[in-house]
Amino acid sequence: MADKAPPPPEWQVRDNAARHRFEIALGDATAFAEYNLLSRQIMFTHTEVPPEHEGKGIGGALIRAALASARERGLKGIPICPFFAAYMQKHAEVQDLLDAAWRKRFGLD
């Protein structure tokens, strides 16, 4: 019987409100998803994972934490960042968080 691969690590995501970004500390580097808060929306502008840490699920963990925060705050998301936009297009369970203009852009309304 083959050994199963270990589960992916649980990344610790923190909201660094002073820098307007969600972050994951990676030892000598930091992965982050930047945002701007608007009155009823949160605009996701840029996501960056250091090249040596790509492909480990870090970007997805940042997005899931950011969208969970948006849901808790009652905010609609504006995915300016292409990584956020692609994630939200692929995951129906978060599409209710899309701002109306983006729902229309994605052909959801």
N, C-alpha and C. Protein backbone atom coordinates (compact mmCIF):
# COMPACT_ATOMS: atom_id res chain seq x y z
N MET A 1 0.84 -1.18 0.00
CA MET A 1 0.00 0.00 0.00
C MET A 1 0.89 1.25 0.00
N ALA A 2 0.59 2.18 -0.88
CA ALA A 2 1.39 3.40 -0.98
C ALA A 2 1.04 4.36 0.14
N ASP A 3 2.07 5.08 0.59
CA ASP A 3 1.84 6.10 1.63
C ASP A 3 1.11 7.28 1.03
N LYS A 4 0.20 7.82 1.80
CA LYS A 4 -0.52 9.01 1.36
C LYS A 4 0.35 10.23 1.63
N ALA A 5 0.23 11.22 0.77
CA ALA A 5 0.97 12.47 0.98
C ALA A 5 0.41 13.16 2.22
N PRO A 6 1.27 13.84 2.96
CA PRO A 6 0.78 14.55 4.14
C PRO A 6 -0.15 15.68 3.72
N PRO A 7 -1.08 16.06 4.61
CA PRO A 7 -1.97 17.17 4.25
C PRO A 7 -1.18 18.46 4.13
N PRO A 8 -1.68 19.41 3.33
CA PRO A 8 -0.96 20.68 3.21
C PRO A 8 -0.94 21.40 4.56
N PRO A 9 0.09 22.21 4.79
CA PRO A 9 0.17 22.92 6.07
C PRO A 9 -0.96 23.94 6.20
N GLU A 10 -1.31 24.22 7.43
CA GLU A 10 -2.28 25.27 7.71
C GLU A 10 -1.50 26.57 7.84
N TRP A 11 -1.61 27.41 6.86
CA TRP A 11 -0.88 28.67 6.87
C TRP A 11 -1.55 29.66 7.82
N GLN A 12 -0.77 30.35 8.59
CA GLN A 12 -1.28 31.35 9.52
C GLN A 12 -1.36 32.69 8.79
N VAL A 13 -2.58 33.11 8.49
CA VAL A 13 -2.81 34.36 7.76
C VAL A 13 -3.19 35.44 8.77
N ARG A 14 -2.55 36.59 8.66
CA ARG A 14 -2.93 37.71 9.53
C ARG A 14 -3.31 38.91 8.68
N ASP A 15 -4.24 39.67 9.19
CA ASP A 15 -4.66 40.91 8.52
C ASP A 15 -3.81 42.03 9.08
N ASN A 16 -2.88 42.51 8.28
CA ASN A 16 -2.04 43.64 8.66
C ASN A 16 -2.76 44.90 8.18
N ALA A 17 -3.71 45.38 8.99
CA ALA A 17 -4.55 46.51 8.60
C ALA A 17 -3.74 47.77 8.34
N ALA A 18 -2.64 47.96 9.05
CA ALA A 18 -1.81 49.15 8.86
C ALA A 18 -1.20 49.19 7.46
N ARG A 19 -0.93 48.01 6.90
CA ARG A 19 -0.33 47.94 5.55
C ARG A 19 -1.37 47.55 4.50
N HIS A 20 -2.63 47.39 4.91
CA HIS A 20 -3.73 47.04 4.01
C HIS A 20 -3.43 45.76 3.24
N ARG A 21 -3.09 44.71 3.99
CA ARG A 21 -2.83 43.44 3.33
C ARG A 21 -2.94 42.28 4.29
N PHE A 22 -3.31 41.14 3.73
CA PHE A 22 -3.29 39.88 4.46
C PHE A 22 -1.91 39.29 4.21
N GLU A 23 -1.33 38.69 5.25
CA GLU A 23 0.05 38.22 5.14
C GLU A 23 0.21 36.81 5.70
N ILE A 24 1.21 36.12 5.14
CA ILE A 24 1.69 34.86 5.68
C ILE A 24 3.20 35.00 5.80
N ALA A 25 3.70 34.89 7.03
CA ALA A 25 5.15 34.94 7.27
C ALA A 25 5.76 33.61 6.85
N LEU A 26 6.82 33.70 6.07
CA LEU A 26 7.47 32.50 5.54
C LEU A 26 8.95 32.47 5.93
N GLY A 27 9.23 32.76 7.17
CA GLY A 27 10.62 32.81 7.61
C GLY A 27 11.27 34.10 7.17
N ASP A 28 12.06 34.02 6.12
CA ASP A 28 12.78 35.19 5.63
C ASP A 28 11.99 35.98 4.58
N ALA A 29 10.77 35.59 4.31
CA ALA A 29 9.95 36.27 3.29
C ALA A 29 8.50 36.36 3.77
N THR A 30 7.72 37.13 3.04
CA THR A 30 6.30 37.28 3.36
C THR A 30 5.49 37.21 2.08
N ALA A 31 4.44 36.41 2.11
CA ALA A 31 3.46 36.39 1.01
C ALA A 31 2.33 37.31 1.45
N PHE A 32 1.72 38.00 0.49
CA PHE A 32 0.67 38.94 0.88
C PHE A 32 -0.37 39.13 -0.21
N ALA A 33 -1.54 39.59 0.23
CA ALA A 33 -2.63 39.98 -0.67
C ALA A 33 -3.07 41.38 -0.22
N GLU A 34 -2.80 42.36 -1.07
CA GLU A 34 -3.12 43.75 -0.74
C GLU A 34 -4.59 44.06 -1.01
N TYR A 35 -5.13 45.00 -0.23
CA TYR A 35 -6.52 45.40 -0.40
C TYR A 35 -6.70 46.87 -0.06
N ASN A 36 -7.80 47.42 -0.55
CA ASN A 36 -8.25 48.76 -0.17
C ASN A 36 -9.68 48.61 0.33
N LEU A 37 -9.93 49.16 1.49
CA LEU A 37 -11.29 49.13 2.03
C LEU A 37 -12.08 50.32 1.53
N LEU A 38 -13.27 50.07 1.04
CA LEU A 38 -14.18 51.11 0.61
C LEU A 38 -15.36 51.07 1.58
N SER A 39 -16.36 51.88 1.36
CA SER A 39 -17.47 51.94 2.33
C SER A 39 -18.20 50.60 2.49
N ARG A 40 -18.50 49.92 1.39
CA ARG A 40 -19.22 48.65 1.46
C ARG A 40 -18.52 47.54 0.68
N GLN A 41 -17.31 47.82 0.28
CA GLN A 41 -16.58 46.87 -0.56
C GLN A 41 -15.13 46.77 -0.10
N ILE A 42 -14.51 45.69 -0.55
CA ILE A 42 -13.07 45.53 -0.37
C ILE A 42 -12.49 45.22 -1.74
N MET A 43 -11.52 46.02 -2.14
CA MET A 43 -10.89 45.87 -3.45
C MET A 43 -9.58 45.12 -3.27
N PHE A 44 -9.49 43.96 -3.89
CA PHE A 44 -8.27 43.15 -3.83
C PHE A 44 -7.39 43.54 -5.02
N THR A 45 -6.25 44.15 -4.71
CA THR A 45 -5.46 44.78 -5.77
C THR A 45 -4.22 44.01 -6.22
N HIS A 46 -3.63 43.24 -5.34
CA HIS A 46 -2.37 42.57 -5.72
C HIS A 46 -2.08 41.43 -4.76
N THR A 47 -1.65 40.31 -5.30
CA THR A 47 -1.24 39.16 -4.48
C THR A 47 0.17 38.77 -4.90
N GLU A 48 1.01 38.51 -3.91
CA GLU A 48 2.39 38.15 -4.22
C GLU A 48 2.87 37.04 -3.29
N VAL A 49 3.39 35.99 -3.91
CA VAL A 49 4.01 34.88 -3.20
C VAL A 49 5.45 34.81 -3.71
N PRO A 50 6.44 34.84 -2.81
CA PRO A 50 7.83 34.75 -3.27
C PRO A 50 8.03 33.51 -4.15
N PRO A 51 8.79 33.64 -5.23
CA PRO A 51 8.96 32.54 -6.18
C PRO A 51 9.35 31.21 -5.55
N GLU A 52 10.20 31.26 -4.53
CA GLU A 52 10.64 30.00 -3.90
C GLU A 52 9.53 29.32 -3.10
N HIS A 53 8.41 30.00 -2.92
CA HIS A 53 7.29 29.44 -2.17
C HIS A 53 6.05 29.20 -3.03
N GLU A 54 6.16 29.41 -4.33
CA GLU A 54 5.02 29.20 -5.22
C GLU A 54 4.66 27.72 -5.31
N GLY A 55 3.39 27.45 -5.60
CA GLY A 55 2.93 26.09 -5.80
C GLY A 55 2.67 25.31 -4.52
N LYS A 56 2.61 26.00 -3.39
CA LYS A 56 2.39 25.33 -2.10
C LYS A 56 1.02 25.64 -1.51
N GLY A 57 0.18 26.35 -2.26
CA GLY A 57 -1.14 26.68 -1.75
C GLY A 57 -1.21 27.96 -0.94
N ILE A 58 -0.13 28.70 -0.92
CA ILE A 58 -0.06 29.91 -0.10
C ILE A 58 -0.99 30.99 -0.65
N GLY A 59 -0.99 31.18 -1.95
CA GLY A 59 -1.87 32.19 -2.56
C GLY A 59 -3.33 31.88 -2.28
N GLY A 60 -3.71 30.62 -2.41
CA GLY A 60 -5.08 30.22 -2.12
C GLY A 60 -5.45 30.46 -0.68
N ALA A 61 -4.52 30.20 0.23
CA ALA A 61 -4.78 30.43 1.66
C ALA A 61 -5.01 31.92 1.92
N LEU A 62 -4.23 32.77 1.27
CA LEU A 62 -4.43 34.21 1.42
C LEU A 62 -5.82 34.63 0.92
N ILE A 63 -6.19 34.11 -0.23
CA ILE A 63 -7.49 34.46 -0.81
C ILE A 63 -8.63 33.97 0.08
N ARG A 64 -8.56 32.73 0.53
CA ARG A 64 -9.63 32.21 1.38
C ARG A 64 -9.78 33.03 2.66
N ALA A 65 -8.67 33.41 3.27
CA ALA A 65 -8.73 34.22 4.50
C ALA A 65 -9.29 35.61 4.20
N ALA A 66 -8.88 36.20 3.09
CA ALA A 66 -9.36 37.54 2.72
C ALA A 66 -10.86 37.52 2.44
N LEU A 67 -11.32 36.50 1.74
CA LEU A 67 -12.74 36.40 1.43
C LEU A 67 -13.57 36.08 2.68
N ALA A 68 -13.01 35.28 3.58
CA ALA A 68 -13.71 35.02 4.85
C ALA A 68 -13.85 36.31 5.64
N SER A 69 -12.82 37.14 5.62
CA SER A 69 -12.88 38.43 6.30
C SER A 69 -13.93 39.34 5.66
N ALA A 70 -13.97 39.35 4.33
CA ALA A 70 -14.98 40.16 3.63
C ALA A 70 -16.38 39.71 4.02
N ARG A 71 -16.59 38.40 4.07
CA ARG A 71 -17.90 37.86 4.45
C ARG A 71 -18.26 38.28 5.88
N GLU A 72 -17.32 38.15 6.80
CA GLU A 72 -17.56 38.54 8.20
C GLU A 72 -17.91 40.01 8.33
N ARG A 73 -17.30 40.84 7.51
CA ARG A 73 -17.52 42.29 7.56
C ARG A 73 -18.72 42.75 6.74
N GLY A 74 -19.31 41.83 5.98
CA GLY A 74 -20.44 42.20 5.13
C GLY A 74 -20.04 43.03 3.93
N LEU A 75 -18.83 42.79 3.41
CA LEU A 75 -18.31 43.55 2.28
C LEU A 75 -18.40 42.76 0.99
N LYS A 76 -18.60 43.45 -0.11
CA LYS A 76 -18.55 42.84 -1.44
C LYS A 76 -17.14 43.00 -1.99
N GLY A 77 -16.68 42.01 -2.73
CA GLY A 77 -15.33 42.01 -3.25
C GLY A 77 -15.22 42.55 -4.67
N ILE A 78 -14.16 43.29 -4.89
CA ILE A 78 -13.79 43.79 -6.21
C ILE A 78 -12.42 43.20 -6.52
N PRO A 79 -12.36 42.14 -7.35
CA PRO A 79 -11.10 41.45 -7.60
C PRO A 79 -10.28 42.05 -8.74
N ILE A 80 -9.62 43.16 -8.47
CA ILE A 80 -8.74 43.79 -9.46
C ILE A 80 -7.55 42.87 -9.76
N CYS A 81 -7.05 42.21 -8.74
CA CYS A 81 -5.93 41.27 -8.89
C CYS A 81 -6.38 40.09 -9.74
N PRO A 82 -5.65 39.76 -10.81
CA PRO A 82 -6.03 38.64 -11.67
C PRO A 82 -6.12 37.30 -10.94
N PHE A 83 -5.29 37.10 -9.93
CA PHE A 83 -5.30 35.86 -9.16
C PHE A 83 -6.60 35.74 -8.38
N PHE A 84 -7.03 36.84 -7.75
CA PHE A 84 -8.31 36.87 -7.04
C PHE A 84 -9.46 36.65 -8.02
N ALA A 85 -9.42 37.34 -9.15
CA ALA A 85 -10.50 37.23 -10.13
C ALA A 85 -10.65 35.79 -10.61
N ALA A 86 -9.54 35.14 -10.93
CA ALA A 86 -9.59 33.75 -11.40
C ALA A 86 -10.14 32.84 -10.32
N TYR A 87 -9.73 33.04 -9.08
CA TYR A 87 -10.22 32.22 -7.98
C TYR A 87 -11.73 32.38 -7.83
N MET A 88 -12.20 33.61 -7.85
CA MET A 88 -13.62 33.87 -7.64
C MET A 88 -14.46 33.37 -8.81
N GLN A 89 -13.91 33.37 -10.01
CA GLN A 89 -14.63 32.82 -11.15
C GLN A 89 -14.79 31.31 -11.02
N LYS A 90 -13.77 30.64 -10.49
CA LYS A 90 -13.77 29.18 -10.40
C LYS A 90 -14.54 28.63 -9.20
N HIS A 91 -14.74 29.44 -8.17
CA HIS A 91 -15.32 28.94 -6.92
C HIS A 91 -16.69 29.56 -6.67
N ALA A 92 -17.72 28.82 -7.04
CA ALA A 92 -19.10 29.30 -6.91
C ALA A 92 -19.45 29.66 -5.48
N GLU A 93 -18.83 28.99 -4.51
CA GLU A 93 -19.16 29.24 -3.10
C GLU A 93 -18.79 30.64 -2.61
N VAL A 94 -17.97 31.37 -3.38
CA VAL A 94 -17.61 32.74 -2.97
C VAL A 94 -18.16 33.80 -3.92
N GLN A 95 -18.85 33.38 -4.96
CA GLN A 95 -19.33 34.35 -5.95
C GLN A 95 -20.39 35.29 -5.41
N ASP A 96 -21.05 34.91 -4.32
CA ASP A 96 -22.01 35.83 -3.70
C ASP A 96 -21.31 37.05 -3.11
N LEU A 97 -20.01 36.97 -2.93
CA LEU A 97 -19.24 38.09 -2.39
C LEU A 97 -18.84 39.11 -3.46
N LEU A 98 -19.05 38.76 -4.72
CA LEU A 98 -18.66 39.68 -5.79
C LEU A 98 -19.54 40.92 -5.82
N ASP A 99 -18.90 42.05 -6.03
CA ASP A 99 -19.60 43.30 -6.28
C ASP A 99 -20.48 43.12 -7.52
N ALA A 100 -21.61 43.82 -7.57
CA ALA A 100 -22.57 43.66 -8.67
C ALA A 100 -21.94 43.84 -10.05
N ALA A 101 -21.07 44.83 -10.20
CA ALA A 101 -20.43 45.06 -11.51
C ALA A 101 -19.57 43.87 -11.92
N TRP A 102 -18.91 43.25 -10.95
CA TRP A 102 -18.07 42.09 -11.25
C TRP A 102 -18.91 40.84 -11.50
N ARG A 103 -20.03 40.73 -10.84
CA ARG A 103 -20.94 39.61 -11.13
C ARG A 103 -21.37 39.68 -12.59
N LYS A 104 -21.69 40.89 -13.03
CA LYS A 104 -22.10 41.09 -14.41
C LYS A 104 -20.94 40.79 -15.36
N ARG A 105 -19.75 41.27 -15.01
CA ARG A 105 -18.55 41.04 -15.83
C ARG A 105 -18.28 39.56 -16.01
N PHE A 106 -18.53 38.78 -14.96
CA PHE A 106 -18.30 37.32 -15.01
C PHE A 106 -19.49 36.56 -15.57
N GLY A 107 -20.53 37.29 -15.97
CA GLY A 107 -21.71 36.65 -16.55
C GLY A 107 -22.57 35.91 -15.56
N LEU A 108 -22.57 36.35 -14.31
CA LEU A 108 -23.34 35.67 -13.26
C LEU A 108 -24.72 36.27 -13.06
N ASP A 109 -24.96 37.44 -13.59
CA ASP A 109 -26.28 38.09 -13.47
C ASP A 109 -26.85 38.37 -14.84
